Amino acid sequence: MKIYEDINALPKFENAVITIGSFDGVHKGHFYIINQLIQEAKRINGTPIVITFFPHPKKIVGDDNRPVLLLNTLEEKSALLKNAGIEHLVVVPFTKVFSELSAEEYITNFLVSSFHPKIIVTGYDHRFGNNRTGDIKLLEHFSNQYNYVVKEIPEHILQEITISSTTIRNKIAAGEIESANELLGYSYFFSGKVVEGNKIGRTISFPTANLKVDYDNKLIPPTGVYAVTIEIENNVELYYGMMNIGYRPTIGGIEKIIEVNIFDFEELIYNQTLKIAVIKKLRTEEKFDGIDQLKNQLSIDKENALQVFHLIK
């Protein structure tokens, strides 16, 4: 897949068929749009193009200071769209200046000038331009002048996508991982770099890799113990393990950390990046009466995780 991040250096796309959206999660609901985009492009021997924005528009024009927690980083979204069959992804830098384009300027100076689209696949409720004054009727108004066709995504499909995105975020935030994964169509994942920890896990036969996640806007599951799969940077093998997100109250921890115990693995992997796919929440975080009780519980957690992996192999 080709990714374009400079809006002023785009190639001349042949019979461009475009759609615009955040596509956060690239979940099952999004596949209707992606499939329609690809089919419309095939019909006219055109080029299907997904247009998205970075950073998320809410970070620039949001109504409050609450963090915008997303299911995907830009890199993750790009990989998922590639797997879905998209060959061209345009990432538009969303700036204050861009947000202040009038709806008419958005159409003429952005969509038409940059893409010369033959087909625009969009929803009935798509809003654009300064103060979100542009809509599908305005797109249709200019369609004859600029020689494109607007293909409307049905309302019930859009509602399903909106409900799914919100539901997925809520389920992950609540630790309901299996339900979220069912809606996503894949196991929710995130990446982090391995950093030094206090190495207590080694002393109780459960060594862990402590992870630092550098993406402030990435939605991370809540505290608890999870069954996970692990991909290690520059390593093609898939590993199984369990992850703890929390404060480690049994040893008096005060800082929230993410630590992963990789089963049957003893190598040192400091500074390497791990991709963690979250399969199931095993339990909530607890404070135990000493290290021995914690060690016993970790043994139980491992057995429970292995049972989960037996089901997914």
Protein backbone atom coordinates (compact mmCIF):
# COMPACT_ATOMS: atom_id res chain seq x y z
CA MET A 1 0.00 0.00 0.00
CA LYS A 2 1.18 3.51 -0.81
CA ILE A 3 0.80 6.11 1.93
CA TYR A 4 0.80 9.81 1.04
CA GLU A 5 1.35 12.39 3.75
CA ASP A 6 2.10 15.47 1.64
CA ILE A 7 -1.14 16.77 0.19
CA ASN A 8 0.84 18.99 -2.19
CA ALA A 9 2.76 16.10 -3.72
CA LEU A 10 0.03 13.66 -4.66
CA PRO A 11 0.24 11.78 -7.96
CA LYS A 12 -2.45 12.13 -10.59
CA PHE A 13 -4.83 9.33 -9.65
CA GLU A 14 -6.58 7.60 -12.55
CA ASN A 15 -10.38 7.81 -12.11
CA ALA A 16 -10.15 8.40 -8.38
CA VAL A 17 -12.82 6.82 -6.19
CA ILE A 18 -12.53 8.31 -2.73
CA THR A 19 -13.96 8.01 0.74
CA ILE A 20 -13.10 10.07 3.80
CA GLY A 21 -13.20 9.11 7.45
CA SER A 22 -11.32 8.31 10.62
CA PHE A 23 -11.72 4.51 10.20
CA ASP A 24 -10.69 4.09 13.83
CA GLY A 25 -10.48 0.39 14.60
CA VAL A 26 -10.95 -0.66 10.94
CA HIS A 27 -13.56 -3.04 12.34
CA LYS A 28 -16.20 -5.25 10.75
CA GLY A 29 -18.57 -2.34 10.21
CA HIS A 30 -16.02 -0.47 8.12
CA PHE A 31 -15.76 -3.28 5.61
CA TYR A 32 -19.01 -2.27 3.91
CA ILE A 33 -17.47 1.09 3.00
CA ILE A 34 -14.15 -0.44 2.00
CA ASN A 35 -15.83 -3.08 -0.17
CA GLN A 36 -18.11 -0.53 -1.82
CA LEU A 37 -15.13 1.71 -2.52
CA ILE A 38 -13.20 -1.13 -4.14
CA GLN A 39 -16.21 -2.33 -6.17
CA GLU A 40 -16.97 1.16 -7.48
CA ALA A 41 -13.34 1.54 -8.52
CA LYS A 42 -13.40 -1.79 -10.34
CA ARG A 43 -16.60 -0.79 -12.13
CA ILE A 44 -14.98 2.27 -13.73
CA ASN A 45 -11.41 0.91 -13.86
CA GLY A 46 -10.48 3.49 -11.24
CA THR A 47 -8.28 3.93 -8.20
CA PRO A 48 -9.81 3.37 -4.74
CA ILE A 49 -8.43 5.84 -2.18
CA VAL A 50 -9.05 6.19 1.54
CA ILE A 51 -8.53 9.70 2.93
CA THR A 52 -8.01 10.14 6.64
CA PHE A 53 -6.69 12.84 8.94
CA PHE A 54 -3.86 13.10 11.44
CA PRO A 55 -4.02 14.09 14.17
CA HIS A 56 -7.64 13.27 14.91
CA PRO A 57 -9.76 16.38 14.18
CA LYS A 58 -11.11 16.38 17.75
CA LYS A 59 -7.60 17.16 18.98
CA ILE A 60 -7.63 20.39 16.98
CA VAL A 61 -11.27 21.49 17.15
CA GLY A 62 -12.54 19.52 20.15
CA ASP A 63 -14.90 21.16 22.62
CA ASP A 64 -12.96 20.17 25.73
CA ASN A 65 -9.54 19.16 26.96
CA ARG A 66 -10.31 15.46 27.45
CA PRO A 67 -7.84 13.16 25.69
CA VAL A 68 -8.99 11.59 22.44
CA LEU A 69 -8.49 7.87 23.04
CA LEU A 70 -8.35 5.87 19.83
CA LEU A 71 -8.39 2.19 18.92
CA ASN A 72 -5.53 2.57 16.44
CA THR A 73 -2.39 4.57 15.97
CA LEU A 74 -1.85 5.83 12.44
CA GLU A 75 0.65 3.04 11.78
CA GLU A 76 -1.80 0.39 13.02
CA LYS A 77 -4.66 1.83 10.99
CA SER A 78 -2.51 1.85 7.87
CA ALA A 79 -1.63 -1.83 8.32
CA LEU A 80 -5.26 -2.80 8.88
CA LEU A 81 -6.43 -0.88 5.80
CA LYS A 82 -3.73 -2.57 3.75
CA ASN A 83 -4.95 -5.96 4.94
CA ALA A 84 -8.47 -4.92 3.96
CA GLY A 85 -7.36 -4.40 0.37
CA ILE A 86 -6.71 -0.65 0.25
CA GLU A 87 -3.77 0.26 -1.99
CA HIS A 88 -3.77 4.05 -1.54
CA LEU A 89 -4.06 5.89 1.78
CA VAL A 90 -3.84 9.66 1.96
CA VAL A 91 -3.11 11.07 5.42
CA VAL A 92 -4.08 14.73 5.51
CA PRO A 93 -2.38 16.83 8.21
CA PHE A 94 -5.33 18.24 10.15
CA THR A 95 -4.40 21.75 11.21
CA LYS A 96 -6.27 24.78 12.49
CA VAL A 97 -5.87 26.37 9.05
CA PHE A 98 -7.32 23.28 7.33
CA SER A 99 -10.24 23.22 9.78
CA GLU A 100 -11.09 26.80 8.81
CA LEU A 101 -11.63 26.04 5.12
CA SER A 102 -15.19 26.88 4.14
CA ALA A 103 -17.31 23.97 2.95
CA GLU A 104 -17.04 25.25 -0.64
CA GLU A 105 -13.24 25.60 -0.34
CA TYR A 106 -13.07 22.08 1.08
CA ILE A 107 -14.73 20.75 -2.07
CA THR A 108 -12.95 22.90 -4.65
CA ASN A 109 -9.50 23.44 -3.12
CA PHE A 110 -9.15 20.07 -1.40
CA LEU A 111 -11.28 17.29 -2.86
CA VAL A 112 -11.40 18.41 -6.48
CA SER A 113 -8.00 20.09 -6.70
CA SER A 114 -6.14 17.22 -5.01
CA PHE A 115 -8.02 14.16 -6.25
CA HIS A 116 -10.24 15.06 -9.25
CA PRO A 117 -12.62 12.32 -8.06
CA LYS A 118 -14.97 10.44 -10.33
CA ILE A 119 -16.89 8.93 -7.40
CA ILE A 120 -17.17 10.06 -3.77
CA VAL A 121 -18.40 7.38 -1.39
CA THR A 122 -19.80 9.07 1.68
CA GLY A 123 -22.52 8.98 4.30
CA TYR A 124 -25.67 11.04 4.49
CA ASP A 125 -24.39 12.64 7.70
CA HIS A 126 -20.85 13.46 6.54
CA ARG A 127 -19.98 17.00 7.63
CA PHE A 128 -17.00 19.06 6.54
CA GLY A 129 -15.63 22.57 6.30
CA ASN A 130 -15.51 25.34 8.88
CA ASN A 131 -18.06 24.74 11.63
CA ARG A 132 -19.01 21.53 9.76
CA THR A 133 -21.41 23.41 7.50
CA GLY A 134 -20.84 21.19 4.46
CA ASP A 135 -22.96 18.08 3.86
CA ILE A 136 -23.88 15.54 1.21
CA LYS A 137 -26.33 17.97 -0.41
CA LEU A 138 -23.52 20.44 -1.01
CA LEU A 139 -21.37 17.68 -2.51
CA GLU A 140 -24.23 16.78 -4.83
CA HIS A 141 -24.74 20.46 -5.70
CA PHE A 142 -21.21 20.67 -7.10
CA SER A 143 -21.23 17.20 -8.71
CA ASN A 144 -22.17 18.33 -12.23
CA GLN A 145 -19.75 21.23 -12.17
CA TYR A 146 -16.83 19.05 -11.19
CA ASN A 147 -17.90 15.85 -12.95
CA TYR A 148 -18.16 13.42 -10.05
CA VAL A 149 -20.88 11.16 -8.67
CA VAL A 150 -21.81 10.91 -5.00
CA LYS A 151 -22.54 7.40 -3.73
CA GLU A 152 -24.37 7.52 -0.42
CA ILE A 153 -23.69 4.97 2.31
CA PRO A 154 -27.05 3.86 3.75
CA GLU A 155 -28.07 5.26 7.13
CA HIS A 156 -28.40 1.87 8.79
CA ILE A 157 -24.82 0.96 7.82
CA LEU A 158 -23.47 4.21 9.23
CA GLN A 159 -25.39 3.76 12.45
CA GLU A 160 -23.97 0.26 12.78
CA ILE A 161 -20.43 1.60 12.30
CA THR A 162 -20.93 4.42 14.81
CA ILE A 163 -22.47 2.08 17.36
CA SER A 164 -19.72 -0.47 16.83
CA SER A 165 -16.88 2.05 17.25
CA THR A 166 -18.34 3.47 20.44
CA THR A 167 -19.23 0.03 21.76
CA ILE A 168 -15.74 -1.32 21.06
CA ARG A 169 -14.12 1.56 22.94
CA ASN A 170 -16.48 1.12 25.86
CA LYS A 171 -15.94 -2.63 26.00
CA ILE A 172 -12.16 -2.31 25.95
CA ALA A 173 -12.29 0.38 28.62
CA ALA A 174 -14.39 -1.99 30.72
CA GLY A 175 -12.08 -4.96 30.15
CA GLU A 176 -14.67 -6.84 28.06
CA ILE A 177 -12.01 -7.93 25.60
CA GLU A 178 -13.69 -10.92 24.00
CA SER A 179 -16.81 -8.92 23.09
CA ALA A 180 -14.67 -6.11 21.68
CA ASN A 181 -12.63 -8.56 19.62
CA GLU A 182 -15.80 -10.04 18.15
CA LEU A 183 -16.87 -6.60 16.91
CA LEU A 184 -13.38 -5.76 15.65
CA GLY A 185 -12.95 -9.00 13.76
CA TYR A 186 -9.45 -9.41 15.20
CA SER A 187 -7.76 -9.31 18.61
CA TYR A 188 -7.22 -5.81 19.98
CA PHE A 189 -3.54 -4.94 20.01
CA PHE A 190 -1.01 -2.33 20.98
CA SER A 191 2.78 -2.00 20.91
CA GLY A 192 5.37 -0.97 23.47
CA LYS A 193 9.11 -0.89 23.97
CA VAL A 194 10.71 -3.12 26.60
CA VAL A 195 12.24 -1.09 29.43
CA GLU A 196 14.05 -2.02 32.65
CA GLY A 197 11.91 -3.05 35.61
CA ASN A 198 12.70 -4.05 39.18
CA LYS A 199 13.16 -7.71 38.14
CA ILE A 200 11.01 -9.06 40.98
CA GLY A 201 9.26 -11.43 38.56
CA ARG A 202 12.51 -13.32 37.98
CA THR A 203 12.79 -14.15 41.68
CA ILE A 204 9.43 -15.95 41.63
CA SER A 205 9.89 -17.75 38.30
CA PHE A 206 7.66 -15.33 36.36
CA PRO A 207 10.04 -12.91 34.60
CA THR A 208 8.29 -10.05 32.87
CA ALA A 209 9.02 -7.57 30.11
CA ASN A 210 7.98 -4.10 31.22
CA LEU A 211 6.49 -2.06 28.39
CA LYS A 212 6.44 1.63 27.68
CA VAL A 213 3.69 2.75 25.30
CA ASP A 214 4.62 6.00 23.59
CA TYR A 215 1.21 6.83 22.14
CA ASP A 216 -0.75 9.04 24.53
CA ASN A 217 -3.97 8.62 22.58
CA LYS A 218 -3.91 4.83 22.34
CA LEU A 219 -6.69 3.19 24.34
CA ILE A 220 -5.14 0.72 26.80
CA PRO A 221 -7.27 -1.88 28.64
CA PRO A 222 -7.91 -1.27 32.36
CA THR A 223 -5.98 -2.80 35.23
CA GLY A 224 -6.09 -6.57 35.39
CA VAL A 225 -4.46 -9.77 34.17
CA TYR A 226 -4.90 -10.81 30.54
CA ALA A 227 -4.10 -13.71 28.24
CA VAL A 228 -2.09 -12.27 25.36
CA THR A 229 -0.07 -13.22 22.32
CA ILE A 230 3.24 -11.51 21.67
CA GLU A 231 5.18 -10.63 18.55
CA ILE A 232 8.77 -9.54 19.12
CA GLU A 233 10.51 -7.08 16.84
CA ASN A 234 12.56 -8.84 14.14
CA ASN A 235 11.25 -12.23 15.25
CA VAL A 236 8.76 -14.15 13.11
CA GLU A 237 7.58 -16.46 15.90
CA LEU A 238 4.30 -15.89 17.76
CA TYR A 239 4.56 -16.28 21.53
CA TYR A 240 1.94 -16.83 24.20
CA GLY A 241 1.87 -15.20 27.59
CA MET A 242 -0.01 -13.22 30.18
CA MET A 243 -0.01 -9.51 30.87
CA ASN A 244 -0.60 -7.50 33.99
CA ILE A 245 -1.70 -3.88 33.83
CA GLY A 246 -1.73 -2.25 37.23
CA TYR A 247 0.05 -1.01 40.31
CA ARG A 248 1.31 -4.32 41.80
CA PRO A 249 -0.19 -3.70 45.26
CA THR A 250 1.27 -6.89 46.74
CA ILE A 251 4.79 -5.43 46.51
CA GLY A 252 3.72 -1.88 47.35
CA GLY A 253 3.78 -0.52 43.83
CA ILE A 254 2.54 3.03 43.28
CA GLU A 255 3.11 3.47 39.55
CA LYS A 256 0.87 1.94 36.91
CA ILE A 257 2.84 -0.40 34.67
CA ILE A 258 2.34 -2.87 31.84
CA GLU A 259 4.30 -6.11 32.24
CA VAL A 260 4.21 -9.26 30.13
CA ASN A 261 5.28 -12.77 31.08
CA ILE A 262 6.20 -14.60 27.85
CA PHE A 263 5.79 -18.34 28.25
CA ASP A 264 8.84 -20.52 27.52
CA PHE A 265 11.03 -17.53 26.77
CA GLU A 266 14.22 -16.46 28.55
CA GLU A 267 16.00 -14.07 26.18
CA LEU A 268 16.84 -10.46 27.08
CA ILE A 269 14.88 -8.13 24.81
CA TYR A 270 15.44 -4.67 26.30
CA ASN A 271 14.69 -1.78 23.92
CA GLN A 272 12.87 -4.06 21.49
CA THR A 273 9.27 -3.41 20.50
CA LEU A 274 6.58 -5.94 21.34
CA LYS A 275 3.18 -6.17 19.70
CA ILE A 276 0.64 -7.38 22.25
CA ALA A 277 -2.68 -8.87 21.12
CA VAL A 278 -5.13 -9.00 23.99
CA ILE A 279 -7.18 -12.21 23.90
CA LYS A 280 -9.08 -12.35 27.19
CA LYS A 281 -9.19 -10.77 30.63
CA LEU A 282 -8.39 -13.42 33.23
CA ARG A 283 -9.05 -11.49 36.44
CA THR A 284 -8.90 -8.11 38.12
CA GLU A 285 -5.80 -6.92 39.92
CA GLU A 286 -5.63 -8.02 43.55
CA LYS A 287 -3.47 -7.47 46.63
CA PHE A 288 -2.24 -10.77 48.06
CA ASP A 289 -0.90 -11.61 51.49
CA GLY A 290 2.71 -11.93 50.48
CA ILE A 291 4.87 -13.12 47.59
CA ASP A 292 4.06 -16.83 48.02
CA GLN A 293 0.33 -16.23 47.60
CA LEU A 294 1.04 -14.05 44.56
CA LYS A 295 3.22 -16.78 43.04
CA ASN A 296 0.46 -19.36 43.56
CA GLN A 297 -2.04 -17.09 41.84
CA LEU A 298 0.31 -16.50 38.92
CA SER A 299 0.54 -20.25 38.44
CA ILE A 300 -3.26 -20.39 38.28
CA ASP A 301 -3.29 -17.45 35.86
CA LYS A 302 -0.86 -19.25 33.57
CA GLU A 303 -3.00 -22.40 33.53
CA ASN A 304 -6.07 -20.32 32.73
CA ALA A 305 -4.22 -18.54 29.94
CA LEU A 306 -3.04 -21.83 28.46
CA GLN A 307 -6.64 -23.00 28.38
CA VAL A 308 -7.55 -19.86 26.41
CA PHE A 309 -4.74 -20.47 23.91
CA HIS A 310 -5.82 -24.07 23.45
CA LEU A 311 -9.11 -22.70 22.15
CA ILE A 312 -7.54 -20.27 19.67
CA LYS A 313 -4.83 -22.55 18.24
